[in-house]
């Protein structure tokens, strides 16, 4: 597993990929968990993202499945999806 020196930079890169994947359907990408605070361990912690999309459905989730696999290898967990109506 790679050591992550700058979790916010990695989160920004992942968010940019998800923005490209979802376009205007992505309302917001939010970092949460230890990467958002002072508890991040560069050797062990994962980066958590919340993706707010227009609508969560199976097609939405499937669209980024390969992208999720890419980011799992870089210690970015599968995103938590919520739709704007839920928020």
PDB file of N, CA and C in Angstrom:
ATOM      1  N   UNK A   1       0.831  -1.182   0.000  1.00  0.00           N
ATOM      2  CA  UNK A   1       0.000   0.000   0.000  1.00  0.00           C
ATOM      3  C   UNK A   1       0.882   1.253   0.000  1.00  0.00           C
ATOM      4  N   UNK A   2       0.500   2.226  -0.824  1.00  0.00           N
ATOM      5  CA  UNK A   2       1.305   3.451  -0.873  1.00  0.00           C
ATOM      6  C   UNK A   2       1.128   4.295   0.394  1.00  0.00           C
ATOM      7  N   UNK A   3       2.200   5.002   0.754  1.00  0.00           N
ATOM      8  CA  UNK A   3       2.135   5.968   1.845  1.00  0.00           C
ATOM      9  C   UNK A   3       1.568   7.262   1.258  1.00  0.00           C
ATOM     10  N   UNK A   4       0.593   7.834   1.930  1.00  0.00           N
ATOM     11  CA  UNK A   4      -0.066   9.046   1.429  1.00  0.00           C
ATOM     12  C   UNK A   4       0.412  10.233   2.255  1.00  0.00           C
ATOM     13  N   UNK A   5       1.211  11.078   1.654  1.00  0.00           N
ATOM     14  CA  UNK A   5       1.744  12.252   2.345  1.00  0.00           C
ATOM     15  C   UNK A   5       0.752  13.412   2.361  1.00  0.00           C
ATOM     16  N   UNK A   6      -0.039  13.552   1.299  1.00  0.00           N
ATOM     17  CA  UNK A   6      -0.957  14.677   1.194  1.00  0.00           C
ATOM     18  C   UNK A   6      -2.353  14.158   0.806  1.00  0.00           C
ATOM     19  N   UNK A   7      -3.153  13.760   1.790  1.00  0.00           N
ATOM     20  CA  UNK A   7      -4.456  13.161   1.466  1.00  0.00           C
ATOM     21  C   UNK A   7      -5.403  14.111   0.744  1.00  0.00           C
ATOM     22  N   UNK A   8      -5.322  15.386   1.012  1.00  0.00           N
ATOM     23  CA  UNK A   8      -6.226  16.326   0.339  1.00  0.00           C
ATOM     24  C   UNK A   8      -5.913  16.459  -1.147  1.00  0.00           C
ATOM     25  N   UNK A   9      -4.640  16.371  -1.501  1.00  0.00           N
ATOM     26  CA  UNK A   9      -4.260  16.410  -2.919  1.00  0.00           C
ATOM     27  C   UNK A   9      -4.807  15.174  -3.632  1.00  0.00           C
ATOM     28  N   UNK A  10      -4.671  14.010  -3.003  1.00  0.00           N
ATOM     29  CA  UNK A  10      -5.198  12.770  -3.588  1.00  0.00           C
ATOM     30  C   UNK A  10      -6.720  12.866  -3.715  1.00  0.00           C
ATOM     31  N   UNK A  11      -7.378  13.396  -2.692  1.00  0.00           N
ATOM     32  CA  UNK A  11      -8.840  13.548  -2.722  1.00  0.00           C
ATOM     33  C   UNK A  11      -9.252  14.472  -3.859  1.00  0.00           C
ATOM     34  N   UNK A  12      -8.519  15.548  -4.074  1.00  0.00           N
ATOM     35  CA  UNK A  12      -8.829  16.475  -5.168  1.00  0.00           C
ATOM     36  C   UNK A  12      -8.685  15.790  -6.523  1.00  0.00           C
ATOM     37  N   UNK A  13      -7.649  14.954  -6.678  1.00  0.00           N
ATOM     38  CA  UNK A  13      -7.442  14.229  -7.931  1.00  0.00           C
ATOM     39  C   UNK A  13      -8.580  13.235  -8.169  1.00  0.00           C
ATOM     40  N   UNK A  14      -8.978  12.529  -7.116  1.00  0.00           N
ATOM     41  CA  UNK A  14     -10.087  11.583  -7.243  1.00  0.00           C
ATOM     42  C   UNK A  14     -11.375  12.329  -7.576  1.00  0.00           C
ATOM     43  N   UNK A  15     -11.621  13.431  -6.896  1.00  0.00           N
ATOM     44  CA  UNK A  15     -12.832  14.225  -7.153  1.00  0.00           C
ATOM     45  C   UNK A  15     -12.851  14.718  -8.597  1.00  0.00           C
ATOM     46  N   UNK A  16     -11.703  15.098  -9.132  1.00  0.00           N
ATOM     47  CA  UNK A  16     -11.637  15.545 -10.527  1.00  0.00           C
ATOM     48  C   UNK A  16     -12.010  14.405 -11.475  1.00  0.00           C
ATOM     49  N   UNK A  17     -11.573  13.187 -11.172  1.00  0.00           N
ATOM     50  CA  UNK A  17     -11.950  12.034 -11.988  1.00  0.00           C
ATOM     51  C   UNK A  17     -13.454  11.778 -11.923  1.00  0.00           C
ATOM     52  N   UNK A  18     -14.016  11.863 -10.720  1.00  0.00           N
ATOM     53  CA  UNK A  18     -15.452  11.664 -10.582  1.00  0.00           C
ATOM     54  C   UNK A  18     -16.226  12.786 -11.269  1.00  0.00           C
ATOM     55  N   UNK A  19     -15.698  13.997 -11.258  1.00  0.00           N
ATOM     56  CA  UNK A  19     -16.339  15.114 -11.967  1.00  0.00           C
ATOM     57  C   UNK A  19     -16.364  14.833 -13.459  1.00  0.00           C
ATOM     58  N   UNK A  20     -15.263  14.315 -13.964  1.00  0.00           N
ATOM     59  CA  UNK A  20     -15.207  13.977 -15.389  1.00  0.00           C
ATOM     60  C   UNK A  20     -16.201  12.858 -15.713  1.00  0.00           C
ATOM     61  N   UNK A  21     -16.335  11.902 -14.825  1.00  0.00           N
ATOM     62  CA  UNK A  21     -17.244  10.771 -15.026  1.00  0.00           C
ATOM     63  C   UNK A  21     -18.704  11.199 -15.004  1.00  0.00           C
ATOM     64  N   UNK A  22     -19.072  12.036 -14.036  1.00  0.00           N
ATOM     65  CA  UNK A  22     -20.478  12.376 -13.830  1.00  0.00           C
ATOM     66  C   UNK A  22     -20.896  13.719 -14.426  1.00  0.00           C
ATOM     67  N   UNK A  23     -19.951  14.573 -14.741  1.00  0.00           N
ATOM     68  CA  UNK A  23     -20.280  15.865 -15.336  1.00  0.00           C
ATOM     69  C   UNK A  23     -21.225  16.665 -14.453  1.00  0.00           C
ATOM     70  N   UNK A  24     -22.269  17.199 -15.051  1.00  0.00           N
ATOM     71  CA  UNK A  24     -23.191  18.058 -14.312  1.00  0.00           C
ATOM     72  C   UNK A  24     -24.065  17.287 -13.321  1.00  0.00           C
ATOM     73  N   UNK A  25     -24.031  15.960 -13.381  1.00  0.00           N
ATOM     74  CA  UNK A  25     -24.791  15.158 -12.411  1.00  0.00           C
ATOM     75  C   UNK A  25     -24.106  15.121 -11.043  1.00  0.00           C
ATOM     76  N   UNK A  26     -22.827  15.489 -10.985  1.00  0.00           N
ATOM     77  CA  UNK A  26     -22.120  15.564  -9.703  1.00  0.00           C
ATOM     78  C   UNK A  26     -22.359  16.934  -9.095  1.00  0.00           C
ATOM     79  N   UNK A  27     -23.025  16.959  -7.958  1.00  0.00           N
ATOM     80  CA  UNK A  27     -23.338  18.212  -7.286  1.00  0.00           C
ATOM     81  C   UNK A  27     -22.177  18.657  -6.413  1.00  0.00           C
ATOM     82  N   UNK A  28     -21.563  17.696  -5.703  1.00  0.00           N
ATOM     83  CA  UNK A  28     -20.486  18.035  -4.782  1.00  0.00           C
ATOM     84  C   UNK A  28     -19.671  16.795  -4.444  1.00  0.00           C
ATOM     85  N   UNK A  29     -18.392  16.997  -4.156  1.00  0.00           N
ATOM     86  CA  UNK A  29     -17.507  15.945  -3.653  1.00  0.00           C
ATOM     87  C   UNK A  29     -16.933  16.455  -2.344  1.00  0.00           C
ATOM     88  N   UNK A  30     -17.091  15.663  -1.294  1.00  0.00           N
ATOM     89  CA  UNK A  30     -16.716  16.094   0.052  1.00  0.00           C
ATOM     90  C   UNK A  30     -15.790  15.065   0.684  1.00  0.00           C
ATOM     91  N   UNK A  31     -14.673  15.529   1.227  1.00  0.00           N
ATOM     92  CA  UNK A  31     -13.773  14.656   1.972  1.00  0.00           C
ATOM     93  C   UNK A  31     -14.274  14.587   3.407  1.00  0.00           C
ATOM     94  N   UNK A  32     -14.321  13.369   3.953  1.00  0.00           N
ATOM     95  CA  UNK A  32     -14.703  13.224   5.354  1.00  0.00           C
ATOM     96  C   UNK A  32     -13.807  12.184   6.007  1.00  0.00           C
ATOM     97  N   UNK A  33     -13.944  12.016   7.280  1.00  0.00           N
ATOM     98  CA  UNK A  33     -13.117  11.049   8.001  1.00  0.00           C
ATOM     99  C   UNK A  33     -11.771  11.637   8.381  1.00  0.00           C
ATOM    100  N   UNK A  34     -10.817  10.748   8.599  1.00  0.00           N
ATOM    101  CA  UNK A  34      -9.512  11.178   9.114  1.00  0.00           C
ATOM    102  C   UNK A  34      -8.765  12.099   8.148  1.00  0.00           C
ATOM    103  N   UNK A  35      -8.978  11.954   6.843  1.00  0.00           N
ATOM    104  CA  UNK A  35      -8.300  12.828   5.873  1.00  0.00           C
ATOM    105  C   UNK A  35      -8.768  14.265   5.988  1.00  0.00           C
ATOM    106  N   UNK A  36      -9.939  14.477   6.571  1.00  0.00           N
ATOM    107  CA  UNK A  36     -10.480  15.825   6.737  1.00  0.00           C
ATOM    108  C   UNK A  36     -10.052  16.456   8.052  1.00  0.00           C
ATOM    109  N   UNK A  37      -9.413  15.672   8.895  1.00  0.00           N
ATOM    110  CA  UNK A  37      -9.010  16.176  10.206  1.00  0.00           C
ATOM    111  C   UNK A  37      -7.577  15.826  10.523  1.00  0.00           C
ATOM    112  N   UNK A  38      -7.247  15.836  11.781  1.00  0.00           N
ATOM    113  CA  UNK A  38      -5.876  15.620  12.206  1.00  0.00           C
ATOM    114  C   UNK A  38      -5.514  14.187  12.534  1.00  0.00           C
ATOM    115  N   UNK A  39      -6.420  13.227  12.304  1.00  0.00           N
ATOM    116  CA  UNK A  39      -6.160  11.841  12.683  1.00  0.00           C
ATOM    117  C   UNK A  39      -5.636  10.978  11.544  1.00  0.00           C
ATOM    118  N   UNK A  40      -5.336  11.548  10.408  1.00  0.00           N
ATOM    119  CA  UNK A  40      -4.921  10.761   9.245  1.00  0.00           C
ATOM    120  C   UNK A  40      -3.552  10.134   9.484  1.00  0.00           C
ATOM    121  N   UNK A  41      -3.460   8.835   9.250  1.00  0.00           N
ATOM    122  CA  UNK A  41      -2.199   8.093   9.355  1.00  0.00           C
ATOM    123  C   UNK A  41      -1.715   7.800   7.930  1.00  0.00           C
ATOM    124  N   UNK A  42      -0.609   8.412   7.490  1.00  0.00           N
ATOM    125  CA  UNK A  42      -0.145   8.258   6.108  1.00  0.00           C
ATOM    126  C   UNK A  42       0.108   6.812   5.682  1.00  0.00           C
ATOM    127  N   UNK A  43       0.373   5.927   6.642  1.00  0.00           N
ATOM    128  CA  UNK A  43       0.667   4.529   6.313  1.00  0.00           C
ATOM    129  C   UNK A  43      -0.564   3.634   6.327  1.00  0.00           C
ATOM    130  N   UNK A  44      -1.625   4.035   7.026  1.00  0.00           N
ATOM    131  CA  UNK A  44      -2.742   3.114   7.223  1.00  0.00           C
ATOM    132  C   UNK A  44      -4.119   3.662   6.856  1.00  0.00           C
ATOM    133  N   UNK A  45      -4.320   4.956   6.948  1.00  0.00           N
ATOM    134  CA  UNK A  45      -5.656   5.527   6.726  1.00  0.00           C
ATOM    135  C   UNK A  45      -6.027   5.533   5.244  1.00  0.00           C
ATOM    136  N   UNK A  46      -7.312   5.385   4.997  1.00  0.00           N
ATOM    137  CA  UNK A  46      -7.866   5.557   3.654  1.00  0.00           C
ATOM    138  C   UNK A  46      -8.471   6.956   3.555  1.00  0.00           C
ATOM    139  N   UNK A  47      -8.738   7.363   2.340  1.00  0.00           N
ATOM    140  CA  UNK A  47      -9.383   8.647   2.089  1.00  0.00           C
ATOM    141  C   UNK A  47     -10.847   8.367   1.774  1.00  0.00           C
ATOM    142  N   UNK A  48     -11.740   9.083   2.445  1.00  0.00           N
ATOM    143  CA  UNK A  48     -13.173   8.886   2.261  1.00  0.00           C
ATOM    144  C   UNK A  48     -13.772  10.073   1.522  1.00  0.00           C
ATOM    145  N   UNK A  49     -14.579   9.768   0.504  1.00  0.00           N
ATOM    146  CA  UNK A  49     -15.279  10.800  -0.264  1.00  0.00           C
ATOM    147  C   UNK A  49     -16.778  10.561  -0.215  1.00  0.00           C
ATOM    148  N   UNK A  50     -17.508  11.616  -0.053  1.00  0.00           N
ATOM    149  CA  UNK A  50     -18.954  11.625  -0.210  1.00  0.00           C
ATOM    150  C   UNK A  50     -19.231  12.307  -1.538  1.00  0.00           C
ATOM    151  N   UNK A  51     -19.932  11.615  -2.420  1.00  0.00           N
ATOM    152  CA  UNK A  51     -20.313  12.212  -3.697  1.00  0.00           C
ATOM    153  C   UNK A  51     -21.809  12.473  -3.680  1.00  0.00           C
ATOM    154  N   UNK A  52     -22.163  13.726  -3.842  1.00  0.00           N
ATOM    155  CA  UNK A  52     -23.570  14.108  -3.936  1.00  0.00           C
ATOM    156  C   UNK A  52     -23.880  14.226  -5.420  1.00  0.00           C
ATOM    157  N   UNK A  53     -24.835  13.412  -5.855  1.00  0.00           N
ATOM    158  CA  UNK A  53     -25.222  13.396  -7.258  1.00  0.00           C
ATOM    159  C   UNK A  53     -26.698  13.769  -7.379  1.00  0.00           C
ATOM    160  N   UNK A  54     -27.112  14.064  -8.585  1.00  0.00           N
ATOM    161  CA  UNK A  54     -28.499  14.459  -8.815  1.00  0.00           C
ATOM    162  C   UNK A  54     -29.442  13.341  -8.383  1.00  0.00           C
ATOM    163  N   UNK A  55     -29.133  12.102  -8.780  1.00  0.00           N
ATOM    164  CA  UNK A  55     -29.979  10.966  -8.419  1.00  0.00           C
ATOM    165  C   UNK A  55     -29.119   9.720  -8.250  1.00  0.00           C
ATOM    166  N   UNK A  56     -29.297   9.004  -7.153  1.00  0.00           N
ATOM    167  CA  UNK A  56     -28.598   7.747  -6.940  1.00  0.00           C
ATOM    168  C   UNK A  56     -29.491   6.617  -7.452  1.00  0.00           C
ATOM    169  N   UNK A  57     -28.934   5.846  -8.374  1.00  0.00           N
ATOM    170  CA  UNK A  57     -29.596   4.648  -8.876  1.00  0.00           C
ATOM    171  C   UNK A  57     -28.512   3.682  -9.342  1.00  0.00           C
ATOM    172  N   UNK A  58     -28.891   2.507  -9.765  1.00  0.00           N
ATOM    173  CA  UNK A  58     -27.920   1.500 -10.154  1.00  0.00           C
ATOM    174  C   UNK A  58     -27.037   1.976 -11.303  1.00  0.00           C
ATOM    175  N   UNK A  59     -27.615   2.648 -12.261  1.00  0.00           N
ATOM    176  CA  UNK A  59     -26.835   3.143 -13.401  1.00  0.00           C
ATOM    177  C   UNK A  59     -25.773   4.150 -12.949  1.00  0.00           C
ATOM    178  N   UNK A  60     -26.143   4.999 -12.015  1.00  0.00           N
ATOM    179  CA  UNK A  60     -25.189   5.979 -11.481  1.00  0.00           C
ATOM    180  C   UNK A  60     -24.015   5.276 -10.821  1.00  0.00           C
ATOM    181  N   UNK A  61     -24.299   4.285 -10.005  1.00  0.00           N
ATOM    182  CA  UNK A  61     -23.248   3.559  -9.300  1.00  0.00           C
ATOM    183  C   UNK A  61     -22.363   2.773 -10.262  1.00  0.00           C
ATOM    184  N   UNK A  62     -22.972   2.129 -11.241  1.00  0.00           N
ATOM    185  CA  UNK A  62     -22.208   1.331 -12.200  1.00  0.00           C
ATOM    186  C   UNK A  62     -21.305   2.179 -13.078  1.00  0.00           C
ATOM    187  N   UNK A  63     -21.714   3.395 -13.356  1.00  0.00           N
ATOM    188  CA  UNK A  63     -20.941   4.255 -14.262  1.00  0.00           C
ATOM    189  C   UNK A  63     -19.509   4.472 -13.773  1.00  0.00           C
ATOM    190  N   UNK A  64     -19.320   4.514 -12.472  1.00  0.00           N
ATOM    191  CA  UNK A  64     -17.973   4.787 -11.950  1.00  0.00           C
ATOM    192  C   UNK A  64     -17.288   3.543 -11.377  1.00  0.00           C
ATOM    193  N   UNK A  65     -17.773   2.351 -11.691  1.00  0.00           N
ATOM    194  CA  UNK A  65     -17.203   1.146 -11.072  1.00  0.00           C
ATOM    195  C   UNK A  65     -15.718   0.964 -11.391  1.00  0.00           C
ATOM    196  N   UNK A  66     -15.306   1.178 -12.622  1.00  0.00           N
ATOM    197  CA  UNK A  66     -13.882   1.041 -12.971  1.00  0.00           C
ATOM    198  C   UNK A  66     -13.059   2.150 -12.331  1.00  0.00           C
ATOM    199  N   UNK A  67     -13.629   3.327 -12.256  1.00  0.00           N
ATOM    200  CA  UNK A  67     -12.955   4.450 -11.606  1.00  0.00           C
ATOM    201  C   UNK A  67     -12.759   4.162 -10.120  1.00  0.00           C
ATOM    202  N   UNK A  68     -13.757   3.565  -9.497  1.00  0.00           N
ATOM    203  CA  UNK A  68     -13.646   3.192  -8.086  1.00  0.00           C
ATOM    204  C   UNK A  68     -12.499   2.206  -7.892  1.00  0.00           C
ATOM    205  N   UNK A  69     -12.368   1.241  -8.788  1.00  0.00           N
ATOM    206  CA  UNK A  69     -11.271   0.267  -8.694  1.00  0.00           C
ATOM    207  C   UNK A  69      -9.912   0.966  -8.800  1.00  0.00           C
ATOM    208  N   UNK A  70      -9.806   1.929  -9.693  1.00  0.00           N
ATOM    209  CA  UNK A  70      -8.559   2.689  -9.847  1.00  0.00           C
ATOM    210  C   UNK A  70      -8.178   3.360  -8.526  1.00  0.00           C
ATOM    211  N   UNK A  71      -9.149   4.023  -7.900  1.00  0.00           N
ATOM    212  CA  UNK A  71      -8.850   4.784  -6.694  1.00  0.00           C
ATOM    213  C   UNK A  71      -8.693   3.903  -5.455  1.00  0.00           C
ATOM    214  N   UNK A  72      -9.291   2.723  -5.448  1.00  0.00           N
ATOM    215  CA  UNK A  72      -9.067   1.789  -4.335  1.00  0.00           C
ATOM    216  C   UNK A  72      -7.592   1.430  -4.227  1.00  0.00           C
ATOM    217  N   UNK A  73      -6.925   1.293  -5.369  1.00  0.00           N
ATOM    218  CA  UNK A  73      -5.492   0.963  -5.396  1.00  0.00           C
ATOM    219  C   UNK A  73      -4.652   2.100  -4.812  1.00  0.00           C
ATOM    220  N   UNK A  74      -5.215   3.299  -4.779  1.00  0.00           N
ATOM    221  CA  UNK A  74      -4.506   4.462  -4.242  1.00  0.00           C
ATOM    222  C   UNK A  74      -5.031   4.838  -2.853  1.00  0.00           C
ATOM    223  N   UNK A  75      -5.771   3.900  -2.228  1.00  0.00           N
ATOM    224  CA  UNK A  75      -6.289   4.046  -0.863  1.00  0.00           C
ATOM    225  C   UNK A  75      -7.387   5.091  -0.728  1.00  0.00           C
ATOM    226  N   UNK A  76      -8.148   5.274  -1.789  1.00  0.00           N
ATOM    227  CA  UNK A  76      -9.367   6.078  -1.710  1.00  0.00           C
ATOM    228  C   UNK A  76     -10.519   5.074  -1.675  1.00  0.00           C
ATOM    229  N   UNK A  77     -11.254   5.056  -0.571  1.00  0.00           N
ATOM    230  CA  UNK A  77     -12.345   4.100  -0.407  1.00  0.00           C
ATOM    231  C   UNK A  77     -13.434   4.323  -1.449  1.00  0.00           C
ATOM    232  N   UNK A  78     -14.269   3.304  -1.631  1.00  0.00           N
ATOM    233  CA  UNK A  78     -15.429   3.497  -2.496  1.00  0.00           C
ATOM    234  C   UNK A  78     -16.232   4.668  -1.945  1.00  0.00           C
ATOM    235  N   UNK A  79     -16.699   5.546  -2.809  1.00  0.00           N
ATOM    236  CA  UNK A  79     -17.412   6.725  -2.321  1.00  0.00           C
ATOM    237  C   UNK A  79     -18.748   6.372  -1.668  1.00  0.00           C
ATOM    238  N   UNK A  80     -19.136   7.198  -0.761  1.00  0.00           N
ATOM    239  CA  UNK A  80     -20.481   7.188  -0.213  1.00  0.00           C
ATOM    240  C   UNK A  80     -21.294   8.074  -1.145  1.00  0.00           C
ATOM    241  N   UNK A  81     -22.349   7.526  -1.733  1.00  0.00           N
ATOM    242  CA  UNK A  81     -23.197   8.282  -2.648  1.00  0.00           C
ATOM    243  C   UNK A  81     -24.464   8.727  -1.933  1.00  0.00           C
ATOM    244  N   UNK A  82     -24.828   9.968  -2.132  1.00  0.00           N
ATOM    245  CA  UNK A  82     -26.105  10.501  -1.681  1.00  0.00           C
ATOM    246  C   UNK A  82     -26.637  11.387  -2.796  1.00  0.00           C
ATOM    247  N   UNK A  83     -27.964  11.447  -2.896  1.00  0.00           N
ATOM    248  CA  UNK A  83     -28.483  12.347  -3.921  1.00  0.00           C
ATOM    249  C   UNK A  83     -28.926  13.657  -3.273  1.00  0.00           C
ATOM    250  N   UNK A  84     -29.053  14.681  -4.093  1.00  0.00           N
ATOM    251  CA  UNK A  84     -29.314  16.009  -3.565  1.00  0.00           C
ATOM    252  C   UNK A  84     -30.658  16.078  -2.850  1.00  0.00           C
ATOM    253  N   UNK A  85     -31.606  15.231  -3.207  1.00  0.00           N
ATOM    254  CA  UNK A  85     -32.899  15.219  -2.540  1.00  0.00           C
ATOM    255  C   UNK A  85     -32.768  14.693  -1.111  1.00  0.00           C
ATOM    256  N   UNK A  86     -31.875  13.716  -0.915  1.00  0.00           N
ATOM    257  CA  UNK A  86     -31.640  13.165   0.417  1.00  0.00           C
ATOM    258  C   UNK A  86     -30.971  14.211   1.321  1.00  0.00           C
ATOM    259  N   UNK A  87     -30.006  14.907   0.765  1.00  0.00           N
ATOM    260  CA  UNK A  87     -29.275  15.920   1.515  1.00  0.00           C
ATOM    261  C   UNK A  87     -30.230  17.054   1.873  1.00  0.00           C
TER     262      UNK A  87
END
